[in-house]
C-alpha atoms as a PDB file:
ATOM      1  CA  MET A   1     -12.725 -18.754  31.173  1.00  0.00           C
ATOM      2  CA  GLN A   2     -11.657 -21.253  33.828  1.00  0.00           C
ATOM      3  CA  VAL A   3     -11.036 -20.079  37.387  1.00  0.00           C
ATOM      4  CA  ALA A   4      -7.500 -20.938  38.496  1.00  0.00           C
ATOM      5  CA  LYS A   5      -7.037 -24.087  40.549  1.00  0.00           C
ATOM      6  CA  ARG A   6      -6.597 -23.472  44.246  1.00  0.00           C
ATOM      7  CA  ILE A   7      -3.068 -24.864  44.279  1.00  0.00           C
ATOM      8  CA  VAL A   8      -2.150 -22.974  41.123  1.00  0.00           C
ATOM      9  CA  LEU A   9      -3.669 -19.861  42.720  1.00  0.00           C
ATOM     10  CA  PHE A  10      -1.508 -20.358  45.820  1.00  0.00           C
ATOM     11  CA  VAL A  11       1.650 -20.864  43.745  1.00  0.00           C
ATOM     12  CA  ALA A  12       0.852 -17.898  41.483  1.00  0.00           C
ATOM     13  CA  VAL A  13       0.177 -15.584  44.438  1.00  0.00           C
ATOM     14  CA  ASN A  14       3.377 -16.786  46.069  1.00  0.00           C
ATOM     15  CA  ILE A  15       5.426 -16.038  42.941  1.00  0.00           C
ATOM     16  CA  LEU A  16       3.922 -12.557  42.654  1.00  0.00           C
ATOM     17  CA  VAL A  17       4.560 -11.865  46.353  1.00  0.00           C
ATOM     18  CA  VAL A  18       8.183 -13.030  46.148  1.00  0.00           C
ATOM     19  CA  LEU A  19       8.904 -11.097  42.959  1.00  0.00           C
ATOM     20  CA  THR A  20       7.342  -7.957  44.423  1.00  0.00           C
ATOM     21  CA  LEU A  21       9.359  -8.357  47.636  1.00  0.00           C
ATOM     22  CA  SER A  22      12.534  -8.876  45.616  1.00  0.00           C
ATOM     23  CA  ILE A  23      12.045  -5.721  43.564  1.00  0.00           C
ATOM     24  CA  VAL A  24      11.202  -3.568  46.590  1.00  0.00           C
ATOM     25  CA  LEU A  25      14.074  -4.967  48.691  1.00  0.00           C
ATOM     26  CA  SER A  26      16.547  -4.525  45.829  1.00  0.00           C
ATOM     27  CA  LEU A  27      15.459  -0.922  45.275  1.00  0.00           C
ATOM     28  CA  LEU A  28      15.869  -0.271  49.003  1.00  0.00           C
ATOM     29  CA  GLY A  29      19.296  -1.936  48.983  1.00  0.00           C
ATOM     30  CA  VAL A  30      18.364  -4.378  51.761  1.00  0.00           C
ATOM     31  CA  PRO A  31      20.775  -7.134  50.563  1.00  0.00           C
ATOM     32  CA  ARG A  32      23.659  -4.694  50.989  1.00  0.00           C
ATOM     33  CA  TYR A  33      22.463  -3.663  54.456  1.00  0.00           C
ATOM     34  CA  MET A  34      22.447  -7.343  55.459  1.00  0.00           C
ATOM     35  CA  GLY A  35      26.017  -7.775  54.202  1.00  0.00           C
ATOM     36  CA  ALA A  36      25.081 -10.008  51.245  1.00  0.00           C
ATOM     37  CA  TYR A  37      26.943  -7.697  48.876  1.00  0.00           C
ATOM     38  CA  THR A  38      30.099  -5.767  49.748  1.00  0.00           C
ATOM     39  CA  GLY A  39      31.470  -3.823  46.835  1.00  0.00           C
ATOM     40  CA  ALA A  40      32.434  -6.357  44.173  1.00  0.00           C
ATOM     41  CA  ASP A  41      32.239  -9.321  46.575  1.00  0.00           C
ATOM     42  CA  ILE A  42      29.380 -11.534  47.702  1.00  0.00           C
ATOM     43  CA  ASN A  43      28.893 -12.971  51.191  1.00  0.00           C
ATOM     44  CA  MET A  44      27.360 -16.417  50.652  1.00  0.00           C
ATOM     45  CA  GLY A  45      26.255 -16.857  54.265  1.00  0.00           C
ATOM     46  CA  ALA A  46      24.572 -13.459  54.497  1.00  0.00           C
ATOM     47  CA  LEU A  47      22.956 -13.925  51.078  1.00  0.00           C
ATOM     48  CA  MET A  48      21.555 -17.336  52.062  1.00  0.00           C
ATOM     49  CA  ALA A  49      20.200 -15.881  55.310  1.00  0.00           C
ATOM     50  CA  PHE A  50      18.566 -13.049  53.350  1.00  0.00           C
ATOM     51  CA  CYS A  51      16.981 -15.505  50.907  1.00  0.00           C
ATOM     52  CA  LEU A  52      15.725 -17.807  53.659  1.00  0.00           C
ATOM     53  CA  VAL A  53      14.093 -14.956  55.566  1.00  0.00           C
ATOM     54  CA  TRP A  54      12.356 -13.403  52.586  1.00  0.00           C
ATOM     55  CA  GLY A  55      11.715 -16.682  50.755  1.00  0.00           C
ATOM     56  CA  PHE A  56       9.799 -18.085  53.702  1.00  0.00           C
ATOM     57  CA  GLY A  57       8.282 -14.653  54.269  1.00  0.00           C
ATOM     58  CA  GLY A  58       6.745 -14.727  50.801  1.00  0.00           C
ATOM     59  CA  ALA A  59       5.332 -18.218  51.352  1.00  0.00           C
ATOM     60  CA  LEU A  60       3.923 -17.297  54.765  1.00  0.00           C
ATOM     61  CA  ILE A  61       2.248 -14.178  53.360  1.00  0.00           C
ATOM     62  CA  SER A  62       0.665 -16.348  50.644  1.00  0.00           C
ATOM     63  CA  LEU A  63      -0.568 -18.778  53.306  1.00  0.00           C
ATOM     64  CA  ALA A  64      -1.924 -16.001  55.511  1.00  0.00           C
ATOM     65  CA  ILE A  65      -4.092 -14.610  52.712  1.00  0.00           C
ATOM     66  CA  SER A  66      -4.982 -17.996  51.171  1.00  0.00           C
ATOM     67  CA  ARG A  67      -8.486 -18.107  52.638  1.00  0.00           C
ATOM     68  CA  ILE A  68      -9.213 -14.509  51.640  1.00  0.00           C
ATOM     69  CA  MET A  69      -7.856 -15.043  48.123  1.00  0.00           C
ATOM     70  CA  ALA A  70      -9.867 -18.256  47.666  1.00  0.00           C
ATOM     71  CA  LYS A  71     -13.091 -16.541  48.725  1.00  0.00           C
ATOM     72  CA  PHE A  72     -12.397 -13.663  46.351  1.00  0.00           C
ATOM     73  CA  ALA A  73     -11.322 -15.827  43.389  1.00  0.00           C
ATOM     74  CA  TYR A  74     -14.257 -18.212  43.639  1.00  0.00           C
ATOM     75  CA  GLY A  75     -16.919 -15.825  44.966  1.00  0.00           C
ATOM     76  CA  VAL A  76     -17.623 -18.087  47.934  1.00  0.00           C
ATOM     77  CA  LYS A  77     -20.763 -17.334  49.957  1.00  0.00           C
ATOM     78  CA  LEU A  78     -20.390 -18.509  53.546  1.00  0.00           C
ATOM     79  CA  ILE A  79     -23.188 -20.484  55.178  1.00  0.00           C
ATOM     80  CA  GLU A  80     -24.220 -19.594  58.711  1.00  0.00           C
ATOM     81  CA  PRO A  81     -24.409 -22.686  60.975  1.00  0.00           C
ATOM     82  CA  ASN A  82     -27.961 -21.721  62.017  1.00  0.00           C
ATOM     83  CA  THR A  83     -29.232 -21.299  58.443  1.00  0.00           C
ATOM     84  CA  MET A  84     -32.862 -22.261  57.797  1.00  0.00           C
ATOM     85  CA  ASP A  85     -32.070 -23.710  54.344  1.00  0.00           C
ATOM     86  CA  PRO A  86     -32.305 -27.539  54.765  1.00  0.00           C
ATOM     87  CA  GLN A  87     -29.692 -28.370  52.114  1.00  0.00           C
ATOM     88  CA  ALA A  88     -27.262 -25.754  53.391  1.00  0.00           C
ATOM     89  CA  ARG A  89     -27.765 -26.874  57.001  1.00  0.00           C
ATOM     90  CA  GLU A  90     -27.104 -30.505  56.017  1.00  0.00           C
ATOM     91  CA  LEU A  91     -23.914 -29.426  54.256  1.00  0.00           C
ATOM     92  CA  VAL A  92     -22.671 -27.560  57.323  1.00  0.00           C
ATOM     93  CA  ASN A  93     -23.651 -30.398  59.660  1.00  0.00           C
ATOM     94  CA  THR A  94     -21.808 -32.942  57.502  1.00  0.00           C
ATOM     95  CA  VAL A  95     -18.617 -30.862  57.404  1.00  0.00           C
ATOM     96  CA  HIS A  96     -18.750 -30.262  61.158  1.00  0.00           C
ATOM     97  CA  ARG A  97     -19.386 -33.950  61.888  1.00  0.00           C
ATOM     98  CA  LEU A  98     -16.392 -34.936  59.775  1.00  0.00           C
ATOM     99  CA  ALA A  99     -14.304 -32.186  61.384  1.00  0.00           C
ATOM    100  CA  ARG A 100     -15.119 -33.525  64.842  1.00  0.00           C
ATOM    101  CA  SER A 101     -14.171 -37.037  63.720  1.00  0.00           C
ATOM    102  CA  ALA A 102     -10.887 -35.630  62.430  1.00  0.00           C
ATOM    103  CA  LYS A 103     -10.396 -33.884  65.807  1.00  0.00           C
ATOM    104  CA  LEU A 104     -10.017 -30.420  64.337  1.00  0.00           C
ATOM    105  CA  PRO A 105      -9.598 -27.772  67.067  1.00  0.00           C
ATOM    106  CA  LYS A 106     -12.232 -25.491  65.486  1.00  0.00           C
ATOM    107  CA  MET A 107     -15.011 -26.033  62.987  1.00  0.00           C
ATOM    108  CA  PRO A 108     -14.145 -24.865  59.447  1.00  0.00           C
ATOM    109  CA  GLU A 109     -16.105 -22.168  57.682  1.00  0.00           C
ATOM    110  CA  VAL A 110     -18.418 -23.712  55.088  1.00  0.00           C
ATOM    111  CA  GLY A 111     -19.343 -22.014  51.840  1.00  0.00           C
ATOM    112  CA  VAL A 112     -20.865 -22.530  48.407  1.00  0.00           C
ATOM    113  CA  TYR A 113     -19.949 -20.834  45.150  1.00  0.00           C
ATOM    114  CA  ASP A 114     -21.673 -20.753  41.801  1.00  0.00           C
ATOM    115  CA  SER A 115     -20.053 -23.033  39.227  1.00  0.00           C
ATOM    116  CA  ALA A 116     -21.370 -25.728  36.924  1.00  0.00           C
ATOM    117  CA  GLU A 117     -18.232 -27.778  37.540  1.00  0.00           C
ATOM    118  CA  PRO A 118     -18.315 -30.408  40.313  1.00  0.00           C
ATOM    119  CA  ASN A 119     -15.621 -28.945  42.537  1.00  0.00           C
ATOM    120  CA  ALA A 120     -14.652 -28.589  46.195  1.00  0.00           C
ATOM    121  CA  PHE A 121     -11.648 -27.267  48.068  1.00  0.00           C
ATOM    122  CA  ALA A 122     -10.279 -26.664  51.538  1.00  0.00           C
ATOM    123  CA  THR A 123      -7.844 -23.920  52.455  1.00  0.00           C
ATOM    124  CA  GLY A 124      -6.733 -21.710  55.326  1.00  0.00           C
ATOM    125  CA  PRO A 125      -3.580 -20.791  57.247  1.00  0.00           C
ATOM    126  CA  THR A 126      -4.214 -23.152  60.195  1.00  0.00           C
ATOM    127  CA  LYS A 127      -6.492 -25.970  61.326  1.00  0.00           C
ATOM    128  CA  SER A 128      -8.372 -23.398  63.405  1.00  0.00           C
ATOM    129  CA  ARG A 129      -8.838 -20.958  60.510  1.00  0.00           C
ATOM    130  CA  SER A 130      -9.926 -23.147  57.633  1.00  0.00           C
ATOM    131  CA  LEU A 131     -12.543 -23.075  54.909  1.00  0.00           C
ATOM    132  CA  VAL A 132     -14.361 -25.858  53.074  1.00  0.00           C
ATOM    133  CA  ALA A 133     -16.208 -24.741  49.945  1.00  0.00           C
ATOM    134  CA  VAL A 134     -18.190 -26.669  47.361  1.00  0.00           C
ATOM    135  CA  SER A 135     -19.597 -25.677  44.001  1.00  0.00           C
ATOM    136  CA  SER A 136     -23.285 -25.574  43.217  1.00  0.00           C
ATOM    137  CA  GLY A 137     -22.534 -27.974  40.366  1.00  0.00           C
ATOM    138  CA  LEU A 138     -21.207 -30.587  42.775  1.00  0.00           C
ATOM    139  CA  LEU A 139     -24.309 -30.404  44.964  1.00  0.00           C
ATOM    140  CA  ARG A 140     -26.565 -30.775  41.908  1.00  0.00           C
ATOM    141  CA  SER A 141     -24.687 -33.645  40.267  1.00  0.00           C
ATOM    142  CA  MET A 142     -23.815 -35.941  43.190  1.00  0.00           C
ATOM    143  CA  ASP A 143     -25.777 -38.032  45.617  1.00  0.00           C
ATOM    144  CA  LYS A 144     -25.435 -37.706  49.393  1.00  0.00           C
ATOM    145  CA  LYS A 145     -22.906 -40.536  49.699  1.00  0.00           C
ATOM    146  CA  SER A 146     -20.584 -39.095  47.079  1.00  0.00           C
ATOM    147  CA  VAL A 147     -20.844 -35.555  48.485  1.00  0.00           C
ATOM    148  CA  GLU A 148     -19.852 -36.908  51.899  1.00  0.00           C
ATOM    149  CA  GLY A 149     -16.797 -38.538  50.321  1.00  0.00           C
ATOM    150  CA  VAL A 150     -15.797 -35.230  48.724  1.00  0.00           C
ATOM    151  CA  LEU A 151     -16.212 -33.358  52.011  1.00  0.00           C
ATOM    152  CA  ALA A 152     -14.271 -36.023  53.927  1.00  0.00           C
ATOM    153  CA  HIS A 153     -11.404 -35.648  51.459  1.00  0.00           C
ATOM    154  CA  GLU A 154     -11.292 -31.890  52.017  1.00  0.00           C
ATOM    155  CA  VAL A 155     -11.511 -32.183  55.809  1.00  0.00           C
ATOM    156  CA  ALA A 156      -8.629 -34.688  55.622  1.00  0.00           C
ATOM    157  CA  HIS A 157      -6.556 -32.009  53.860  1.00  0.00           C
ATOM    158  CA  ILE A 158      -7.124 -29.705  56.835  1.00  0.00           C
ATOM    159  CA  ALA A 159      -6.430 -32.434  59.414  1.00  0.00           C
ATOM    160  CA  ASN A 160      -3.206 -33.368  57.612  1.00  0.00           C
ATOM    161  CA  GLY A 161      -2.020 -29.750  57.695  1.00  0.00           C
ATOM    162  CA  ASP A 162      -1.387 -29.874  53.962  1.00  0.00           C
ATOM    163  CA  MET A 163      -1.444 -26.127  53.353  1.00  0.00           C
ATOM    164  CA  VAL A 164       1.128 -25.509  56.093  1.00  0.00           C
ATOM    165  CA  THR A 165       3.396 -28.285  54.813  1.00  0.00           C
ATOM    166  CA  MET A 166       3.043 -26.984  51.277  1.00  0.00           C
ATOM    167  CA  THR A 167       3.933 -23.504  52.527  1.00  0.00           C
ATOM    168  CA  LEU A 168       7.139 -24.786  54.126  1.00  0.00           C
ATOM    169  CA  LEU A 169       8.056 -26.576  50.906  1.00  0.00           C
ATOM    170  CA  GLN A 170       7.253 -23.443  48.903  1.00  0.00           C
ATOM    171  CA  GLY A 171       9.443 -21.440  51.295  1.00  0.00           C
ATOM    172  CA  VAL A 172      12.407 -23.711  50.541  1.00  0.00           C
ATOM    173  CA  VAL A 173      11.757 -23.380  46.796  1.00  0.00           C
ATOM    174  CA  ASN A 174      11.529 -19.583  47.167  1.00  0.00           C
ATOM    175  CA  ALA A 175      14.795 -19.420  49.101  1.00  0.00           C
ATOM    176  CA  PHE A 176      16.712 -21.453  46.526  1.00  0.00           C
ATOM    177  CA  ALA A 177      15.164 -19.476  43.646  1.00  0.00           C
ATOM    178  CA  MET A 178      16.122 -16.159  45.242  1.00  0.00           C
ATOM    179  CA  PHE A 179      19.628 -17.405  46.080  1.00  0.00           C
ATOM    180  CA  LEU A 180      20.406 -18.860  42.642  1.00  0.00           C
ATOM    181  CA  ALA A 181      18.924 -15.833  40.863  1.00  0.00           C
ATOM    182  CA  ARG A 182      21.223 -13.487  42.764  1.00  0.00           C
ATOM    183  CA  ILE A 183      24.269 -15.676  42.235  1.00  0.00           C
ATOM    184  CA  ILE A 184      23.640 -15.649  38.479  1.00  0.00           C
ATOM    185  CA  ALA A 185      23.013 -11.885  38.425  1.00  0.00           C
ATOM    186  CA  PHE A 186      26.221 -11.320  40.445  1.00  0.00           C
ATOM    187  CA  ALA A 187      28.188 -13.588  38.069  1.00  0.00           C
ATOM    188  CA  ILE A 188      26.893 -11.680  35.026  1.00  0.00           C
ATOM    189  CA  ASP A 189      27.714  -8.386  36.740  1.00  0.00           C
ATOM    190  CA  SER A 190      31.251  -9.570  37.567  1.00  0.00           C
ATOM    191  CA  ALA A 191      31.831 -10.852  34.025  1.00  0.00           C
ATOM    192  CA  MET A 192      30.752  -7.520  32.565  1.00  0.00           C
ATOM    193  CA  ARG A 193      33.018  -5.639  34.969  1.00  0.00           C
ATOM    194  CA  GLY A 194      35.932  -7.825  33.896  1.00  0.00           C
ATOM    195  CA  ARG A 195      35.372  -7.103  30.202  1.00  0.00           C
ATOM    196  CA  ASP A 196      34.570  -3.412  30.623  1.00  0.00           C
ATOM    197  CA  GLU A 197      37.576  -1.080  30.663  1.00  0.00           C
ATOM    198  CA  ASN A 198      35.695   1.277  32.940  1.00  0.00           C
ATOM    199  CA  GLY A 199      34.896  -1.570  35.351  1.00  0.00           C
ATOM    200  CA  GLN A 200      31.165  -0.986  35.102  1.00  0.00           C
ATOM    201  CA  GLY A 201      28.831  -3.947  35.247  1.00  0.00           C
ATOM    202  CA  LEU A 202      25.070  -4.164  35.290  1.00  0.00           C
ATOM    203  CA  GLY A 203      23.252  -1.042  36.386  1.00  0.00           C
ATOM    204  CA  GLN A 204      20.805  -1.270  39.279  1.00  0.00           C
ATOM    205  CA  ILE A 205      17.720  -1.579  37.073  1.00  0.00           C
ATOM    206  CA  ALA A 206      19.373  -4.173  34.805  1.00  0.00           C
ATOM    207  CA  HIS A 207      20.545  -6.116  37.865  1.00  0.00           C
ATOM    208  CA  ILE A 208      17.003  -6.154  39.295  1.00  0.00           C
ATOM    209  CA  ALA A 209      15.620  -7.250  35.905  1.00  0.00           C
ATOM    210  CA  VAL A 210      18.047 -10.197  35.719  1.00  0.00           C
ATOM    211  CA  VAL A 211      17.229 -11.216  39.298  1.00  0.00           C
ATOM    212  CA  TRP A 212      13.481 -10.942  38.608  1.00  0.00           C
ATOM    213  CA  LEU A 213      13.729 -13.031  35.431  1.00  0.00           C
ATOM    214  CA  MET A 214      15.911 -15.730  37.028  1.00  0.00           C
ATOM    215  CA  GLU A 215      13.649 -15.927  40.075  1.00  0.00           C
ATOM    216  CA  ALA A 216      10.599 -16.455  37.849  1.00  0.00           C
ATOM    217  CA  VAL A 217      12.400 -19.222  35.934  1.00  0.00           C
ATOM    218  CA  PHE A 218      13.669 -21.013  39.053  1.00  0.00           C
ATOM    219  CA  MET A 219      10.316 -20.753  40.824  1.00  0.00           C
ATOM    220  CA  LEU A 220       8.610 -22.196  37.757  1.00  0.00           C
ATOM    221  CA  LEU A 221      11.052 -25.117  37.848  1.00  0.00           C
ATOM    222  CA  GLY A 222      10.558 -25.377  41.614  1.00  0.00           C
ATOM    223  CA  SER A 223       6.821 -25.669  41.070  1.00  0.00           C
ATOM    224  CA  ILE A 224       7.517 -29.157  39.672  1.00  0.00           C
ATOM    225  CA  VAL A 225       8.536 -30.188  43.194  1.00  0.00           C
ATOM    226  CA  VAL A 226       5.508 -28.422  44.679  1.00  0.00           C
ATOM    227  CA  MET A 227       3.154 -30.157  42.233  1.00  0.00           C
ATOM    228  CA  TRP A 228       4.741 -33.540  43.005  1.00  0.00           C
ATOM    229  CA  PHE A 229       3.983 -32.959  46.670  1.00  0.00           C
ATOM    230  CA  SER A 230       0.465 -31.848  45.774  1.00  0.00           C
ATOM    231  CA  ARG A 231      -0.144 -35.132  43.929  1.00  0.00           C
ATOM    232  CA  TRP A 232       1.213 -37.142  46.839  1.00  0.00           C
ATOM    233  CA  ARG A 233      -0.980 -35.328  49.334  1.00  0.00           C
ATOM    234  CA  GLU A 234      -4.068 -36.074  47.240  1.00  0.00           C
ATOM    235  CA  PHE A 235      -3.481 -39.800  47.703  1.00  0.00           C
ATOM    236  CA  ARG A 236      -3.026 -39.140  51.418  1.00  0.00           C
ATOM    237  CA  ALA A 237      -6.241 -37.091  51.608  1.00  0.00           C
ATOM    238  CA  ASP A 238      -8.109 -39.856  49.763  1.00  0.00           C
ATOM    239  CA  ALA A 239      -6.957 -42.314  52.427  1.00  0.00           C
ATOM    240  CA  GLY A 240      -7.936 -39.853  55.163  1.00  0.00           C
ATOM    241  CA  GLY A 241     -11.328 -39.293  53.562  1.00  0.00           C
ATOM    242  CA  ALA A 242     -11.860 -43.061  53.442  1.00  0.00           C
ATOM    243  CA  LYS A 243     -11.238 -43.267  57.195  1.00  0.00           C
ATOM    244  CA  LEU A 244     -13.628 -40.406  57.957  1.00  0.00           C
ATOM    245  CA  ALA A 245     -16.543 -41.247  55.644  1.00  0.00           C
ATOM    246  CA  GLY A 246     -15.837 -44.850  54.708  1.00  0.00           C
ATOM    247  CA  ARG A 247     -13.932 -46.231  51.752  1.00  0.00           C
ATOM    248  CA  ASP A 248     -17.153 -46.814  49.787  1.00  0.00           C
ATOM    249  CA  SER A 249     -18.077 -43.123  50.027  1.00  0.00           C
ATOM    250  CA  MET A 250     -14.609 -42.072  48.928  1.00  0.00           C
ATOM    251  CA  VAL A 251     -14.584 -44.437  45.944  1.00  0.00           C
ATOM    252  CA  SER A 252     -18.155 -43.419  45.092  1.00  0.00           C
ATOM    253  CA  ALA A 253     -17.102 -39.746  45.028  1.00  0.00           C
ATOM    254  CA  LEU A 254     -14.199 -40.421  42.686  1.00  0.00           C
ATOM    255  CA  ARG A 255     -16.261 -42.644  40.399  1.00  0.00           C
ATOM    256  CA  SER A 256     -19.025 -40.029  40.265  1.00  0.00           C
ATOM    257  CA  LEU A 257     -16.501 -37.397  39.213  1.00  0.00           C
ATOM    258  CA  GLN A 258     -15.079 -39.768  36.637  1.00  0.00           C
ATOM    259  CA  MET A 259     -18.536 -40.437  35.221  1.00  0.00           C
ATOM    260  CA  ILE A 260     -19.426 -36.732  35.125  1.00  0.00           C
ATOM    261  CA  ALA A 261     -16.195 -35.935  33.318  1.00  0.00           C
ATOM    262  CA  SER A 262     -16.685 -38.610  30.678  1.00  0.00           C
ATOM    263  CA  ARG A 263     -20.385 -37.991  30.022  1.00  0.00           C
ATOM    264  CA  HIS A 264     -20.980 -34.279  30.397  1.00  0.00           C
ATOM    265  CA  MET A 265     -17.720 -32.497  29.549  1.00  0.00           C
ATOM    266  CA  PRO A 266     -16.399 -31.990  26.034  1.00  0.00           C
ATOM    267  CA  GLU A 267     -12.777 -33.032  25.587  1.00  0.00           C
ATOM    268  CA  PRO A 268     -11.350 -29.448  25.744  1.00  0.00           C
ATOM    269  CA  ALA A 269     -13.081 -28.932  29.083  1.00  0.00           C
ATOM    270  CA  GLN A 270     -11.702 -32.253  30.320  1.00  0.00           C
ATOM    271  CA  SER A 271      -8.156 -31.235  29.507  1.00  0.00           C
ATOM    272  CA  ASP A 272      -8.562 -27.851  31.191  1.00  0.00           C
ATOM    273  CA  ALA A 273     -10.657 -28.938  34.168  1.00  0.00           C
ATOM    274  CA  MET A 274      -9.721 -27.246  37.422  1.00  0.00           C
ATOM    275  CA  ALA A 275     -11.727 -29.073  40.066  1.00  0.00           C
ATOM    276  CA  ALA A 276     -10.003 -29.708  43.374  1.00  0.00           C
ATOM    277  CA  PHE A 277     -10.591 -33.400  42.645  1.00  0.00           C
ATOM    278  CA  LYS A 278      -8.905 -32.856  39.239  1.00  0.00           C
ATOM    279  CA  ILE A 279     -11.494 -34.107  36.800  1.00  0.00           C
ATOM    280  CA  SER A 280      -9.424 -35.057  33.803  1.00  0.00           C
ATOM    281  CA  GLY A 281      -9.913 -37.061  30.669  1.00  0.00           C
ATOM    282  CA  ARG A 282      -6.943 -39.148  29.647  1.00  0.00           C
ATOM    283  CA  PRO A 283      -4.048 -39.387  32.113  1.00  0.00           C
ATOM    284  CA  LYS A 284      -1.354 -36.965  31.005  1.00  0.00           C
ATOM    285  CA  GLY A 285       2.221 -38.052  30.523  1.00  0.00           C
ATOM    286  CA  GLY A 286       5.590 -36.501  29.821  1.00  0.00           C
ATOM    287  CA  ILE A 287       6.251 -32.906  30.784  1.00  0.00           C
ATOM    288  CA  ALA A 288       2.543 -32.104  31.271  1.00  0.00           C
ATOM    289  CA  ARG A 289       2.344 -34.624  34.127  1.00  0.00           C
ATOM    290  CA  LEU A 290       5.119 -32.813  36.010  1.00  0.00           C
ATOM    291  CA  PHE A 291       2.870 -29.757  36.370  1.00  0.00           C
ATOM    292  CA  MET A 292      -0.308 -31.633  37.364  1.00  0.00           C
ATOM    293  CA  SER A 293      -1.479 -30.718  40.867  1.00  0.00           C
ATOM    294  CA  HIS A 294      -3.646 -33.866  41.114  1.00  0.00           C
ATOM    295  CA  PRO A 295      -3.145 -37.467  39.983  1.00  0.00           C
ATOM    296  CA  PRO A 296      -5.560 -38.894  37.382  1.00  0.00           C
ATOM    297  CA  LEU A 297      -8.784 -40.219  38.885  1.00  0.00           C
ATOM    298  CA  GLU A 298      -8.000 -43.699  37.588  1.00  0.00           C
ATOM    299  CA  GLU A 299      -4.848 -43.857  39.717  1.00  0.00           C
ATOM    300  CA  ARG A 300      -6.629 -42.570  42.805  1.00  0.00           C
ATOM    301  CA  ILE A 301      -9.440 -45.098  42.508  1.00  0.00           C
ATOM    302  CA  ALA A 302      -6.931 -47.914  41.938  1.00  0.00           C
ATOM    303  CA  ARG A 303      -4.978 -46.870  45.041  1.00  0.00           C
ATOM    304  CA  LEU A 304      -8.112 -47.015  47.193  1.00  0.00           C
ATOM    305  CA  GLU A 305      -9.175 -50.346  45.701  1.00  0.00           C
ATOM    306  CA  GLN A 306      -5.741 -51.811  46.412  1.00  0.00           C
ATOM    307  CA  ALA A 307      -5.947 -50.639  50.033  1.00  0.00           C
ATOM    308  CA  ARG A 308      -9.377 -52.266  50.331  1.00  0.00           C
ATOM    309  CA  ALA A 309      -7.972 -55.570  49.045  1.00  0.00           C
ATOM    310  CA  ILE A 310      -5.158 -55.671  51.612  1.00  0.00           C
END
């Protein structure tokens, strides 16, 4: 069974956090305390303020625990900077050298996790509290030049503040999802009151269920925007990695991943691959492309080659 992609993990944790917050806050009647609901009326301003506060709160909680969740999900084993293992020491030294070139305020934690897939990721709530992790499969299947390109790409993610920017975007998506879900639930409640002779609408539990369902739907749709940003930031991290390690190293890393995918993975594994560099077989189109967190390798290589030609 594949381990969830880091970005998918972040989005999934965020959705669970927001839905949990929504249920608890609804049970406690917090929207009413904030003036969002008054009897049979709805205060749009108060409701939007409520959704902004808790929507961004859910995203910030997801960001705060992102490093912990990534370590837990992948089983990352951190490497001490003074390790006596030559390969591990070289890995740490390379990450730290790239981090200094990127002018990071503090050196990232460096870790390795057991996986046959060539994979790497960077995460963390801030540039000073970041983590770069690589799979054992990546270290076994790539040469030094390609590994450096992979690490430079991940350090570029940290330097660009991608997780923070993604969190802000996710906060906006959360806020709109929470707002629209409550508007729809309120409209259904009002319509039922209008048709019911006794003037009774949705009960509290039914109201919470409608809000929960609508939030899940709108956040799923909002993830299309989040995934679009994720694809864009991959191109940006490729360019940043090329500046840190050299364009040849970056292209070499992508071509190595492309070769590994085509030679050593069966087609089902290609279609389900979850590497941070998104090893994929054929470029996906249509609806499937909307939910891709990473662009196809072919597009990323072409973008770097075009930049080299300019």
